[in-house]
């Protein structure tokens, strides 16, 4: 026959274990809530940066990058293609200069629509 009061000792141990487990889970919930808040803040910050970049690029070829491909007209697609080709060539030239140990010229700023380099010909 079990001793009187021995069940309450087990119950107390279980209660203490449950309390410890609840405290651990509450701590984990708090940590996850803080992490979720940081992720949300980063997402808001990144979205704002993207909106700022989009605003700054208005009137330039770079603005085409913020639009859907299907929304661009042929002239805009050709401008974008020419600009991408120019960037590709500039990267290749810079890599070539860098591999030869030469100093690199400064980057050229993005062009606004309709403007082209003197070297480039219209398609």
PDB file of N, CA and C in Angstrom:
ATOM      1  N   UNK A   1       0.824  -1.165   0.000  1.00  0.00           N
ATOM      2  CA  UNK A   1       0.000   0.000   0.000  1.00  0.00           C
ATOM      3  C   UNK A   1       0.882   1.247   0.000  1.00  0.00           C
ATOM      4  N   UNK A   2       0.608   2.208  -0.891  1.00  0.00           N
ATOM      5  CA  UNK A   2       1.458   3.393  -0.949  1.00  0.00           C
ATOM      6  C   UNK A   2       1.328   4.221   0.322  1.00  0.00           C
ATOM      7  N   UNK A   3       2.434   4.874   0.636  1.00  0.00           N
ATOM      8  CA  UNK A   3       2.460   5.723   1.817  1.00  0.00           C
ATOM      9  C   UNK A   3       1.620   6.964   1.581  1.00  0.00           C
ATOM     10  N   UNK A   4       1.075   7.418   2.675  1.00  0.00           N
ATOM     11  CA  UNK A   4       0.245   8.606   2.600  1.00  0.00           C
ATOM     12  C   UNK A   4       1.126   9.821   2.270  1.00  0.00           C
ATOM     13  N   UNK A   5       0.712  10.612   1.276  1.00  0.00           N
ATOM     14  CA  UNK A   5       1.463  11.807   0.929  1.00  0.00           C
ATOM     15  C   UNK A   5       2.516  11.589  -0.136  1.00  0.00           C
ATOM     16  N   UNK A   6       2.837  10.368  -0.515  1.00  0.00           N
ATOM     17  CA  UNK A   6       3.881  10.146  -1.527  1.00  0.00           C
ATOM     18  C   UNK A   6       3.423  10.611  -2.901  1.00  0.00           C
ATOM     19  N   UNK A   7       2.142  10.600  -3.191  1.00  0.00           N
ATOM     20  CA  UNK A   7       1.614  11.074  -4.458  1.00  0.00           C
ATOM     21  C   UNK A   7       1.769  12.572  -4.606  1.00  0.00           C
ATOM     22  N   UNK A   8       1.701  13.298  -3.519  1.00  0.00           N
ATOM     23  CA  UNK A   8       1.848  14.743  -3.599  1.00  0.00           C
ATOM     24  C   UNK A   8       3.282  15.130  -3.938  1.00  0.00           C
ATOM     25  N   UNK A   9       4.254  14.344  -3.526  1.00  0.00           N
ATOM     26  CA  UNK A   9       5.661  14.608  -3.866  1.00  0.00           C
ATOM     27  C   UNK A   9       5.902  14.458  -5.346  1.00  0.00           C
ATOM     28  N   UNK A  10       5.316  13.434  -5.946  1.00  0.00           N
ATOM     29  CA  UNK A  10       5.438  13.222  -7.390  1.00  0.00           C
ATOM     30  C   UNK A  10       4.731  14.347  -8.125  1.00  0.00           C
ATOM     31  N   UNK A  11       3.573  14.714  -7.615  1.00  0.00           N
ATOM     32  CA  UNK A  11       2.807  15.796  -8.234  1.00  0.00           C
ATOM     33  C   UNK A  11       3.604  17.097  -8.187  1.00  0.00           C
ATOM     34  N   UNK A  12       4.270  17.378  -7.061  1.00  0.00           N
ATOM     35  CA  UNK A  12       5.080  18.592  -6.934  1.00  0.00           C
ATOM     36  C   UNK A  12       6.238  18.585  -7.935  1.00  0.00           C
ATOM     37  N   UNK A  13       6.869  17.429  -8.089  1.00  0.00           N
ATOM     38  CA  UNK A  13       7.974  17.306  -9.047  1.00  0.00           C
ATOM     39  C   UNK A  13       7.448  17.544 -10.461  1.00  0.00           C
ATOM     40  N   UNK A  14       6.287  16.953 -10.780  1.00  0.00           N
ATOM     41  CA  UNK A  14       5.680  17.161 -12.098  1.00  0.00           C
ATOM     42  C   UNK A  14       5.309  18.625 -12.301  1.00  0.00           C
ATOM     43  N   UNK A  15       4.770  19.261 -11.274  1.00  0.00           N
ATOM     44  CA  UNK A  15       4.419  20.672 -11.363  1.00  0.00           C
ATOM     45  C   UNK A  15       5.659  21.523 -11.618  1.00  0.00           C
ATOM     46  N   UNK A  16       6.735  21.229 -10.899  1.00  0.00           N
ATOM     47  CA  UNK A  16       7.983  21.975 -11.089  1.00  0.00           C
ATOM     48  C   UNK A  16       8.540  21.750 -12.500  1.00  0.00           C
ATOM     49  N   UNK A  17       8.476  20.522 -12.992  1.00  0.00           N
ATOM     50  CA  UNK A  17       8.953  20.222 -14.350  1.00  0.00           C
ATOM     51  C   UNK A  17       8.097  20.949 -15.381  1.00  0.00           C
ATOM     52  N   UNK A  18       6.797  20.962 -15.153  1.00  0.00           N
ATOM     53  CA  UNK A  18       5.889  21.674 -16.067  1.00  0.00           C
ATOM     54  C   UNK A  18       6.160  23.174 -16.046  1.00  0.00           C
ATOM     55  N   UNK A  19       6.380  23.729 -14.862  1.00  0.00           N
ATOM     56  CA  UNK A  19       6.680  25.152 -14.748  1.00  0.00           C
ATOM     57  C   UNK A  19       7.978  25.483 -15.496  1.00  0.00           C
ATOM     58  N   UNK A  20       8.982  24.637 -15.318  1.00  0.00           N
ATOM     59  CA  UNK A  20      10.258  24.861 -16.003  1.00  0.00           C
ATOM     60  C   UNK A  20      10.071  24.767 -17.513  1.00  0.00           C
ATOM     61  N   UNK A  21       9.301  23.804 -17.944  1.00  0.00           N
ATOM     62  CA  UNK A  21       9.035  23.628 -19.381  1.00  0.00           C
ATOM     63  C   UNK A  21       8.267  24.830 -19.942  1.00  0.00           C
ATOM     64  N   UNK A  22       7.269  25.305 -19.192  1.00  0.00           N
ATOM     65  CA  UNK A  22       6.490  26.470 -19.618  1.00  0.00           C
ATOM     66  C   UNK A  22       7.396  27.696 -19.706  1.00  0.00           C
ATOM     67  N   UNK A  23       8.267  27.885 -18.720  1.00  0.00           N
ATOM     68  CA  UNK A  23       9.190  29.024 -18.736  1.00  0.00           C
ATOM     69  C   UNK A  23      10.113  28.939 -19.946  1.00  0.00           C
ATOM     70  N   UNK A  24      10.593  27.743 -20.246  1.00  0.00           N
ATOM     71  CA  UNK A  24      11.465  27.551 -21.397  1.00  0.00           C
ATOM     72  C   UNK A  24      10.721  27.862 -22.695  1.00  0.00           C
ATOM     73  N   UNK A  25       9.488  27.394 -22.800  1.00  0.00           N
ATOM     74  CA  UNK A  25       8.688  27.650 -23.999  1.00  0.00           C
ATOM     75  C   UNK A  25       8.349  29.135 -24.140  1.00  0.00           C
ATOM     76  N   UNK A  26       8.050  29.797 -23.023  1.00  0.00           N
ATOM     77  CA  UNK A  26       7.767  31.230 -23.065  1.00  0.00           C
ATOM     78  C   UNK A  26       9.007  32.007 -23.518  1.00  0.00           C
ATOM     79  N   UNK A  27      10.146  31.586 -23.044  1.00  0.00           N
ATOM     80  CA  UNK A  27      11.408  32.213 -23.453  1.00  0.00           C
ATOM     81  C   UNK A  27      11.632  32.032 -24.955  1.00  0.00           C
ATOM     82  N   UNK A  28      11.353  30.839 -25.438  1.00  0.00           N
ATOM     83  CA  UNK A  28      11.507  30.550 -26.873  1.00  0.00           C
ATOM     84  C   UNK A  28      10.522  31.374 -27.702  1.00  0.00           C
ATOM     85  N   UNK A  29       9.289  31.504 -27.238  1.00  0.00           N
ATOM     86  CA  UNK A  29       8.292  32.327 -27.936  1.00  0.00           C
ATOM     87  C   UNK A  29       8.771  33.770 -28.006  1.00  0.00           C
ATOM     88  N   UNK A  30       9.292  34.295 -26.908  1.00  0.00           N
ATOM     89  CA  UNK A  30       9.814  35.659 -26.894  1.00  0.00           C
ATOM     90  C   UNK A  30      10.956  35.836 -27.881  1.00  0.00           C
ATOM     91  N   UNK A  31      11.869  34.869 -27.905  1.00  0.00           N
ATOM     92  CA  UNK A  31      12.995  34.924 -28.843  1.00  0.00           C
ATOM     93  C   UNK A  31      12.502  34.916 -30.283  1.00  0.00           C
ATOM     94  N   UNK A  32      11.549  34.045 -30.590  1.00  0.00           N
ATOM     95  CA  UNK A  32      11.013  33.953 -31.951  1.00  0.00           C
ATOM     96  C   UNK A  32      10.238  35.215 -32.338  1.00  0.00           C
ATOM     97  N   UNK A  33       9.524  35.802 -31.385  1.00  0.00           N
ATOM     98  CA  UNK A  33       8.808  37.055 -31.667  1.00  0.00           C
ATOM     99  C   UNK A  33       9.789  38.179 -31.976  1.00  0.00           C
ATOM    100  N   UNK A  34      10.895  38.254 -31.215  1.00  0.00           N
ATOM    101  CA  UNK A  34      11.916  39.279 -31.493  1.00  0.00           C
ATOM    102  C   UNK A  34      12.552  39.055 -32.858  1.00  0.00           C
ATOM    103  N   UNK A  35      12.818  37.802 -33.181  1.00  0.00           N
ATOM    104  CA  UNK A  35      13.412  37.486 -34.482  1.00  0.00           C
ATOM    105  C   UNK A  35      12.442  37.844 -35.614  1.00  0.00           C
ATOM    106  N   UNK A  36      11.165  37.529 -35.441  1.00  0.00           N
ATOM    107  CA  UNK A  36      10.157  37.862 -36.456  1.00  0.00           C
ATOM    108  C   UNK A  36      10.052  39.371 -36.632  1.00  0.00           C
ATOM    109  N   UNK A  37      10.143  40.118 -35.540  1.00  0.00           N
ATOM    110  CA  UNK A  37      10.082  41.577 -35.625  1.00  0.00           C
ATOM    111  C   UNK A  37      11.287  42.109 -36.396  1.00  0.00           C
ATOM    112  N   UNK A  38      12.459  41.534 -36.167  1.00  0.00           N
ATOM    113  CA  UNK A  38      13.658  41.967 -36.896  1.00  0.00           C
ATOM    114  C   UNK A  38      13.530  41.653 -38.382  1.00  0.00           C
ATOM    115  N   UNK A  39      12.998  40.478 -38.709  1.00  0.00           N
ATOM    116  CA  UNK A  39      12.809  40.100 -40.112  1.00  0.00           C
ATOM    117  C   UNK A  39      11.818  41.047 -40.783  1.00  0.00           C
ATOM    118  N   UNK A  40      10.733  41.368 -40.095  1.00  0.00           N
ATOM    119  CA  UNK A  40       9.744  42.313 -40.627  1.00  0.00           C
ATOM    120  C   UNK A  40      10.364  43.682 -40.849  1.00  0.00           C
ATOM    121  N   UNK A  41      11.169  44.139 -39.891  1.00  0.00           N
ATOM    122  CA  UNK A  41      11.813  45.448 -40.011  1.00  0.00           C
ATOM    123  C   UNK A  41      12.773  45.459 -41.198  1.00  0.00           C
ATOM    124  N   UNK A  42      13.545  44.382 -41.357  1.00  0.00           N
ATOM    125  CA  UNK A  42      14.452  44.292 -42.509  1.00  0.00           C
ATOM    126  C   UNK A  42      13.678  44.306 -43.810  1.00  0.00           C
ATOM    127  N   UNK A  43      12.557  43.600 -43.854  1.00  0.00           N
ATOM    128  CA  UNK A  43      11.736  43.564 -45.070  1.00  0.00           C
ATOM    129  C   UNK A  43      11.189  44.957 -45.381  1.00  0.00           C
ATOM    130  N   UNK A  44      10.723  45.667 -44.352  1.00  0.00           N
ATOM    131  CA  UNK A  44      10.241  47.044 -44.563  1.00  0.00           C
ATOM    132  C   UNK A  44      11.367  47.937 -45.070  1.00  0.00           C
ATOM    133  N   UNK A  45      12.545  47.794 -44.471  1.00  0.00           N
ATOM    134  CA  UNK A  45      13.697  48.596 -44.873  1.00  0.00           C
ATOM    135  C   UNK A  45      14.080  48.289 -46.328  1.00  0.00           C
ATOM    136  N   UNK A  46      14.131  47.008 -46.685  1.00  0.00           N
ATOM    137  CA  UNK A  46      14.479  46.619 -48.052  1.00  0.00           C
ATOM    138  C   UNK A  46      13.441  47.115 -49.054  1.00  0.00           C
ATOM    139  N   UNK A  47      12.180  47.035 -48.680  1.00  0.00           N
ATOM    140  CA  UNK A  47      11.112  47.530 -49.555  1.00  0.00           C
ATOM    141  C   UNK A  47      11.252  49.028 -49.764  1.00  0.00           C
ATOM    142  N   UNK A  48      11.561  49.758 -48.690  1.00  0.00           N
ATOM    143  CA  UNK A  48      11.744  51.201 -48.806  1.00  0.00           C
ATOM    144  C   UNK A  48      12.948  51.528 -49.678  1.00  0.00           C
ATOM    145  N   UNK A  49      14.038  50.783 -49.510  1.00  0.00           N
ATOM    146  CA  UNK A  49      15.218  50.999 -50.354  1.00  0.00           C
ATOM    147  C   UNK A  49      14.884  50.762 -51.821  1.00  0.00           C
ATOM    148  N   UNK A  50      14.130  49.711 -52.092  1.00  0.00           N
ATOM    149  CA  UNK A  50      13.737  49.414 -53.465  1.00  0.00           C
ATOM    150  C   UNK A  50      12.874  50.539 -54.039  1.00  0.00           C
ATOM    151  N   UNK A  51      11.936  51.052 -53.240  1.00  0.00           N
ATOM    152  CA  UNK A  51      11.101  52.166 -53.693  1.00  0.00           C
ATOM    153  C   UNK A  51      11.958  53.405 -53.950  1.00  0.00           C
ATOM    154  N   UNK A  52      12.933  53.659 -53.073  1.00  0.00           N
ATOM    155  CA  UNK A  52      13.825  54.803 -53.252  1.00  0.00           C
ATOM    156  C   UNK A  52      14.640  54.660 -54.537  1.00  0.00           C
ATOM    157  N   UNK A  53      15.169  53.468 -54.771  1.00  0.00           N
ATOM    158  CA  UNK A  53      15.937  53.226 -56.003  1.00  0.00           C
ATOM    159  C   UNK A  53      15.066  53.404 -57.235  1.00  0.00           C
ATOM    160  N   UNK A  54      13.853  52.906 -57.147  1.00  0.00           N
ATOM    161  CA  UNK A  54      12.930  53.046 -58.269  1.00  0.00           C
ATOM    162  C   UNK A  54      12.648  54.526 -58.543  1.00  0.00           C
ATOM    163  N   UNK A  55      12.464  55.291 -57.482  1.00  0.00           N
ATOM    164  CA  UNK A  55      12.201  56.731 -57.627  1.00  0.00           C
ATOM    165  C   UNK A  55      13.420  57.442 -58.222  1.00  0.00           C
ATOM    166  N   UNK A  56      14.607  57.083 -57.745  1.00  0.00           N
ATOM    167  CA  UNK A  56      15.833  57.714 -58.236  1.00  0.00           C
ATOM    168  C   UNK A  56      16.111  57.379 -59.692  1.00  0.00           C
ATOM    169  N   UNK A  57      15.655  56.216 -60.135  1.00  0.00           N
ATOM    170  CA  UNK A  57      15.981  55.771 -61.489  1.00  0.00           C
ATOM    171  C   UNK A  57      14.980  56.251 -62.534  1.00  0.00           C
ATOM    172  N   UNK A  58      13.924  56.946 -62.090  1.00  0.00           N
ATOM    173  CA  UNK A  58      12.936  57.425 -63.068  1.00  0.00           C
ATOM    174  C   UNK A  58      13.636  58.268 -64.120  1.00  0.00           C
ATOM    175  N   UNK A  59      13.278  58.022 -65.369  1.00  0.00           N
ATOM    176  CA  UNK A  59      13.868  58.773 -66.470  1.00  0.00           C
ATOM    177  C   UNK A  59      15.191  58.203 -66.953  1.00  0.00           C
ATOM    178  N   UNK A  60      15.613  57.070 -66.388  1.00  0.00           N
ATOM    179  CA  UNK A  60      16.849  56.435 -66.841  1.00  0.00           C
ATOM    180  C   UNK A  60      16.538  55.042 -67.376  1.00  0.00           C
ATOM    181  N   UNK A  61      17.507  54.482 -68.066  1.00  0.00           N
ATOM    182  CA  UNK A  61      17.342  53.121 -68.582  1.00  0.00           C
ATOM    183  C   UNK A  61      17.155  52.146 -67.422  1.00  0.00           C
ATOM    184  N   UNK A  62      17.772  52.451 -66.286  1.00  0.00           N
ATOM    185  CA  UNK A  62      17.640  51.575 -65.119  1.00  0.00           C
ATOM    186  C   UNK A  62      16.184  51.446 -64.669  1.00  0.00           C
ATOM    187  N   UNK A  63      15.354  52.419 -64.959  1.00  0.00           N
ATOM    188  CA  UNK A  63      13.950  52.346 -64.545  1.00  0.00           C
ATOM    189  C   UNK A  63      13.230  51.180 -65.210  1.00  0.00           C
ATOM    190  N   UNK A  64      13.737  50.725 -66.352  1.00  0.00           N
ATOM    191  CA  UNK A  64      13.113  49.593 -67.041  1.00  0.00           C
ATOM    192  C   UNK A  64      13.235  48.309 -66.221  1.00  0.00           C
ATOM    193  N   UNK A  65      14.237  48.247 -65.352  1.00  0.00           N
ATOM    194  CA  UNK A  65      14.436  47.054 -64.537  1.00  0.00           C
ATOM    195  C   UNK A  65      13.318  46.864 -63.521  1.00  0.00           C
ATOM    196  N   UNK A  66      12.605  47.928 -63.210  1.00  0.00           N
ATOM    197  CA  UNK A  66      11.533  47.857 -62.219  1.00  0.00           C
ATOM    198  C   UNK A  66      10.185  47.543 -62.852  1.00  0.00           C
ATOM    199  N   UNK A  67      10.163  47.401 -64.161  1.00  0.00           N
ATOM    200  CA  UNK A  67       8.901  47.132 -64.846  1.00  0.00           C
ATOM    201  C   UNK A  67       8.877  45.700 -65.343  1.00  0.00           C
ATOM    202  N   UNK A  68       7.686  45.203 -65.582  1.00  0.00           N
ATOM    203  CA  UNK A  68       7.544  43.858 -66.124  1.00  0.00           C
ATOM    204  C   UNK A  68       7.973  43.870 -67.584  1.00  0.00           C
ATOM    205  N   UNK A  69       8.604  42.795 -67.980  1.00  0.00           N
ATOM    206  CA  UNK A  69       9.113  42.686 -69.348  1.00  0.00           C
ATOM    207  C   UNK A  69       8.013  42.928 -70.378  1.00  0.00           C
ATOM    208  N   UNK A  70       6.834  42.400 -70.120  1.00  0.00           N
ATOM    209  CA  UNK A  70       5.725  42.545 -71.053  1.00  0.00           C
ATOM    210  C   UNK A  70       5.195  43.960 -71.157  1.00  0.00           C
ATOM    211  N   UNK A  71       5.526  44.821 -70.184  1.00  0.00           N
ATOM    212  CA  UNK A  71       5.059  46.204 -70.203  1.00  0.00           C
ATOM    213  C   UNK A  71       5.982  47.135 -70.990  1.00  0.00           C
ATOM    214  N   UNK A  72       7.176  46.635 -71.353  1.00  0.00           N
ATOM    215  CA  UNK A  72       8.129  47.464 -72.093  1.00  0.00           C
ATOM    216  C   UNK A  72       7.805  47.432 -73.584  1.00  0.00           C
ATOM    217  N   UNK A  73       7.903  48.579 -74.218  1.00  0.00           N
ATOM    218  CA  UNK A  73       7.711  48.617 -75.672  1.00  0.00           C
ATOM    219  C   UNK A  73       9.038  48.293 -76.337  1.00  0.00           C
ATOM    220  N   UNK A  74       9.006  48.029 -77.634  1.00  0.00           N
ATOM    221  CA  UNK A  74      10.194  47.601 -78.362  1.00  0.00           C
ATOM    222  C   UNK A  74      11.351  48.581 -78.191  1.00  0.00           C
ATOM    223  N   UNK A  75      11.082  49.871 -78.289  1.00  0.00           N
ATOM    224  CA  UNK A  75      12.149  50.869 -78.159  1.00  0.00           C
ATOM    225  C   UNK A  75      12.819  50.778 -76.783  1.00  0.00           C
ATOM    226  N   UNK A  76      12.007  50.591 -75.736  1.00  0.00           N
ATOM    227  CA  UNK A  76      12.558  50.479 -74.384  1.00  0.00           C
ATOM    228  C   UNK A  76      13.381  49.209 -74.232  1.00  0.00           C
ATOM    229  N   UNK A  77      12.893  48.122 -74.820  1.00  0.00           N
ATOM    230  CA  UNK A  77      13.651  46.870 -74.765  1.00  0.00           C
ATOM    231  C   UNK A  77      14.990  47.012 -75.478  1.00  0.00           C
ATOM    232  N   UNK A  78      14.984  47.698 -76.608  1.00  0.00           N
ATOM    233  CA  UNK A  78      16.234  47.906 -77.340  1.00  0.00           C
ATOM    234  C   UNK A  78      17.190  48.791 -76.528  1.00  0.00           C
ATOM    235  N   UNK A  79      16.675  49.829 -75.892  1.00  0.00           N
ATOM    236  CA  UNK A  79      17.511  50.688 -75.044  1.00  0.00           C
ATOM    237  C   UNK A  79      18.111  49.887 -73.899  1.00  0.00           C
ATOM    238  N   UNK A  80      17.280  49.067 -73.280  1.00  0.00           N
ATOM    239  CA  UNK A  80      17.744  48.247 -72.174  1.00  0.00           C
ATOM    240  C   UNK A  80      18.814  47.266 -72.650  1.00  0.00           C
ATOM    241  N   UNK A  81      18.586  46.655 -73.783  1.00  0.00           N
ATOM    242  CA  UNK A  81      19.553  45.716 -74.356  1.00  0.00           C
ATOM    243  C   UNK A  81      20.885  46.425 -74.631  1.00  0.00           C
ATOM    244  N   UNK A  82      20.828  47.602 -75.236  1.00  0.00           N
ATOM    245  CA  UNK A  82      22.052  48.354 -75.531  1.00  0.00           C
ATOM    246  C   UNK A  82      22.801  48.703 -74.238  1.00  0.00           C
ATOM    247  N   UNK A  83      22.060  49.109 -73.224  1.00  0.00           N
ATOM    248  CA  UNK A  83      22.699  49.465 -71.956  1.00  0.00           C
ATOM    249  C   UNK A  83      23.325  48.238 -71.305  1.00  0.00           C
ATOM    250  N   UNK A  84      22.646  47.106 -71.363  1.00  0.00           N
ATOM    251  CA  UNK A  84      23.200  45.875 -70.795  1.00  0.00           C
ATOM    252  C   UNK A  84      24.447  45.435 -71.561  1.00  0.00           C
ATOM    253  N   UNK A  85      24.426  45.597 -72.869  1.00  0.00           N
ATOM    254  CA  UNK A  85      25.609  45.269 -73.675  1.00  0.00           C
ATOM    255  C   UNK A  85      26.775  46.193 -73.311  1.00  0.00           C
ATOM    256  N   UNK A  86      26.477  47.491 -73.090  1.00  0.00           N
ATOM    257  CA  UNK A  86      27.521  48.443 -72.716  1.00  0.00           C
ATOM    258  C   UNK A  86      28.130  48.062 -71.361  1.00  0.00           C
ATOM    259  N   UNK A  87      27.276  47.700 -70.412  1.00  0.00           N
ATOM    260  CA  UNK A  87      27.756  47.299 -69.091  1.00  0.00           C
ATOM    261  C   UNK A  87      28.589  46.035 -69.203  1.00  0.00           C
ATOM    262  N   UNK A  88      28.133  45.087 -70.003  1.00  0.00           N
ATOM    263  CA  UNK A  88      28.878  43.844 -70.203  1.00  0.00           C
ATOM    264  C   UNK A  88      30.271  44.144 -70.768  1.00  0.00           C
ATOM    265  N   UNK A  89      30.348  45.040 -71.747  1.00  0.00           N
ATOM    266  CA  UNK A  89      31.628  45.407 -72.348  1.00  0.00           C
ATOM    267  C   UNK A  89      32.501  46.119 -71.326  1.00  0.00           C
ATOM    268  N   UNK A  90      31.915  47.013 -70.549  1.00  0.00           N
ATOM    269  CA  UNK A  90      32.690  47.736 -69.538  1.00  0.00           C
ATOM    270  C   UNK A  90      33.258  46.781 -68.497  1.00  0.00           C
ATOM    271  N   UNK A  91      32.466  45.801 -68.109  1.00  0.00           N
ATOM    272  CA  UNK A  91      32.949  44.800 -67.140  1.00  0.00           C
ATOM    273  C   UNK A  91      34.113  44.019 -67.751  1.00  0.00           C
ATOM    274  N   UNK A  92      33.967  43.593 -68.991  1.00  0.00           N
ATOM    275  CA  UNK A  92      35.038  42.850 -69.651  1.00  0.00           C
ATOM    276  C   UNK A  92      36.302  43.713 -69.757  1.00  0.00           C
ATOM    277  N   UNK A  93      36.143  44.996 -70.117  1.00  0.00           N
ATOM    278  CA  UNK A  93      37.292  45.897 -70.215  1.00  0.00           C
ATOM    279  C   UNK A  93      37.965  46.070 -68.857  1.00  0.00           C
ATOM    280  N   UNK A  94      37.154  46.233 -67.817  1.00  0.00           N
ATOM    281  CA  UNK A  94      37.715  46.422 -66.475  1.00  0.00           C
ATOM    282  C   UNK A  94      38.448  45.169 -66.008  1.00  0.00           C
ATOM    283  N   UNK A  95      37.878  44.005 -66.281  1.00  0.00           N
ATOM    284  CA  UNK A  95      38.539  42.758 -65.899  1.00  0.00           C
ATOM    285  C   UNK A  95      39.856  42.606 -66.640  1.00  0.00           C
ATOM    286  N   UNK A  96      39.863  42.990 -67.905  1.00  0.00           N
ATOM    287  CA  UNK A  96      41.078  42.920 -68.704  1.00  0.00           C
ATOM    288  C   UNK A  96      42.139  43.863 -68.134  1.00  0.00           C
ATOM    289  N   UNK A  97      41.750  45.107 -67.830  1.00  0.00           N
ATOM    290  CA  UNK A  97      42.686  46.067 -67.247  1.00  0.00           C
ATOM    291  C   UNK A  97      43.195  45.595 -65.889  1.00  0.00           C
ATOM    292  N   UNK A  98      42.291  45.045 -65.099  1.00  0.00           N
ATOM    293  CA  UNK A  98      42.670  44.580 -63.769  1.00  0.00           C
ATOM    294  C   UNK A  98      43.664  43.437 -63.852  1.00  0.00           C
ATOM    295  N   UNK A  99      43.466  42.526 -64.791  1.00  0.00           N
ATOM    296  CA  UNK A  99      44.376  41.393 -64.921  1.00  0.00           C
ATOM    297  C   UNK A  99      45.754  41.827 -65.409  1.00  0.00           C
ATOM    298  N   UNK A 100      45.823  42.981 -66.097  1.00  0.00           N
ATOM    299  CA  UNK A 100      47.103  43.510 -66.572  1.00  0.00           C
ATOM    300  C   UNK A 100      47.751  44.404 -65.524  1.00  0.00           C
ATOM    301  N   UNK A 101      47.056  44.643 -64.409  1.00  0.00           N
ATOM    302  CA  UNK A 101      47.604  45.465 -63.347  1.00  0.00           C
ATOM    303  C   UNK A 101      47.429  46.950 -63.559  1.00  0.00           C
ATOM    304  N   UNK A 102      46.654  47.363 -64.541  1.00  0.00           N
ATOM    305  CA  UNK A 102      46.420  48.784 -64.795  1.00  0.00           C
ATOM    306  C   UNK A 102      45.379  49.331 -63.835  1.00  0.00           C
ATOM    307  N   UNK A 103      45.440  50.630 -63.618  1.00  0.00           N
ATOM    308  CA  UNK A 103      44.390  51.250 -62.800  1.00  0.00           C
ATOM    309  C   UNK A 103      43.129  51.358 -63.652  1.00  0.00           C
ATOM    310  N   UNK A 104      41.999  51.248 -62.995  1.00  0.00           N
ATOM    311  CA  UNK A 104      40.734  51.229 -63.714  1.00  0.00           C
ATOM    312  C   UNK A 104      40.135  52.625 -63.783  1.00  0.00           C
ATOM    313  N   UNK A 105      39.541  52.980 -64.929  1.00  0.00           N
ATOM    314  CA  UNK A 105      38.882  54.274 -65.041  1.00  0.00           C
ATOM    315  C   UNK A 105      37.611  54.281 -64.204  1.00  0.00           C
ATOM    316  N   UNK A 106      37.101  55.468 -63.858  1.00  0.00           N
ATOM    317  CA  UNK A 106      35.867  55.519 -63.059  1.00  0.00           C
ATOM    318  C   UNK A 106      34.677  54.969 -63.840  1.00  0.00           C
ATOM    319  N   UNK A 107      33.707  54.474 -63.089  1.00  0.00           N
ATOM    320  CA  UNK A 107      32.492  53.946 -63.716  1.00  0.00           C
ATOM    321  C   UNK A 107      31.721  55.059 -64.406  1.00  0.00           C
ATOM    322  N   UNK A 108      31.046  54.706 -65.492  1.00  0.00           N
ATOM    323  CA  UNK A 108      30.197  55.675 -66.166  1.00  0.00           C
ATOM    324  C   UNK A 108      28.811  55.614 -65.538  1.00  0.00           C
ATOM    325  N   UNK A 109      28.208  56.771 -65.364  1.00  0.00           N
ATOM    326  CA  UNK A 109      26.876  56.848 -64.752  1.00  0.00           C
ATOM    327  C   UNK A 109      25.824  56.325 -65.720  1.00  0.00           C
ATOM    328  N   UNK A 110      24.684  55.857 -65.187  1.00  0.00           N
ATOM    329  CA  UNK A 110      23.603  55.378 -66.063  1.00  0.00           C
ATOM    330  C   UNK A 110      23.119  56.483 -66.995  1.00  0.00           C
ATOM    331  N   UNK A 111      22.689  56.071 -68.146  1.00  0.00           N
ATOM    332  CA  UNK A 111      22.199  57.014 -69.148  1.00  0.00           C
ATOM    333  C   UNK A 111      20.701  57.221 -68.987  1.00  0.00           C
ATOM    334  N   UNK A 112      20.246  58.384 -69.347  1.00  0.00           N
ATOM    335  CA  UNK A 112      18.804  58.582 -69.379  1.00  0.00           C
ATOM    336  C   UNK A 112      18.303  58.119 -70.739  1.00  0.00           C
ATOM    337  N   UNK A 113      17.005  57.768 -70.850  1.00  0.00           N
ATOM    338  CA  UNK A 113      16.489  57.254 -72.116  1.00  0.00           C
ATOM    339  C   UNK A 113      16.772  58.223 -73.262  1.00  0.00           C
ATOM    340  N   UNK A 114      17.109  57.647 -74.383  1.00  0.00           N
ATOM    341  CA  UNK A 114      17.345  58.450 -75.575  1.00  0.00           C
ATOM    342  C   UNK A 114      18.800  58.869 -75.715  1.00  0.00           C
ATOM    343  N   UNK A 115      19.555  58.945 -74.621  1.00  0.00           N
ATOM    344  CA  UNK A 115      20.967  59.308 -74.707  1.00  0.00           C
ATOM    345  C   UNK A 115      21.782  58.046 -74.910  1.00  0.00           C
ATOM    346  N   UNK A 116      22.799  58.148 -75.709  1.00  0.00           N
ATOM    347  CA  UNK A 116      23.674  57.012 -75.978  1.00  0.00           C
ATOM    348  C   UNK A 116      25.101  57.508 -75.985  1.00  0.00           C
ATOM    349  N   UNK A 117      26.035  56.577 -75.842  1.00  0.00           N
ATOM    350  CA  UNK A 117      27.445  56.926 -75.965  1.00  0.00           C
ATOM    351  C   UNK A 117      27.740  57.276 -77.413  1.00  0.00           C
ATOM    352  N   UNK A 118      28.724  58.101 -77.613  1.00  0.00           N
ATOM    353  CA  UNK A 118      29.087  58.495 -78.966  1.00  0.00           C
ATOM    354  C   UNK A 118      29.522  57.284 -79.792  1.00  0.00           C
ATOM    355  N   UNK A 119      30.133  56.286 -79.136  1.00  0.00           N
ATOM    356  CA  UNK A 119      30.607  55.092 -79.836  1.00  0.00           C
ATOM    357  C   UNK A 119      29.456  54.212 -80.315  1.00  0.00           C
ATOM    358  N   UNK A 120      28.347  54.206 -79.565  1.00  0.00           N
ATOM    359  CA  UNK A 120      27.234  53.312 -79.896  1.00  0.00           C
ATOM    360  C   UNK A 120      26.420  53.858 -81.067  1.00  0.00           C
ATOM    361  N   UNK A 121      25.924  52.928 -81.850  1.00  0.00           N
ATOM    362  CA  UNK A 121      25.052  53.298 -82.958  1.00  0.00           C
ATOM    363  C   UNK A 121      23.652  52.845 -82.633  1.00  0.00           C
ATOM    364  N   UNK A 122      22.683  53.578 -83.119  1.00  0.00           N
ATOM    365  CA  UNK A 122      21.294  53.185 -82.913  1.00  0.00           C
ATOM    366  C   UNK A 122      20.986  51.957 -83.759  1.00  0.00           C
ATOM    367  N   UNK A 123      20.200  51.018 -83.215  1.00  0.00           N
ATOM    368  CA  UNK A 123      19.888  49.777 -83.954  1.00  0.00           C
ATOM    369  C   UNK A 123      18.986  50.027 -85.146  1.00  0.00           C
TER     370      UNK A 123
END
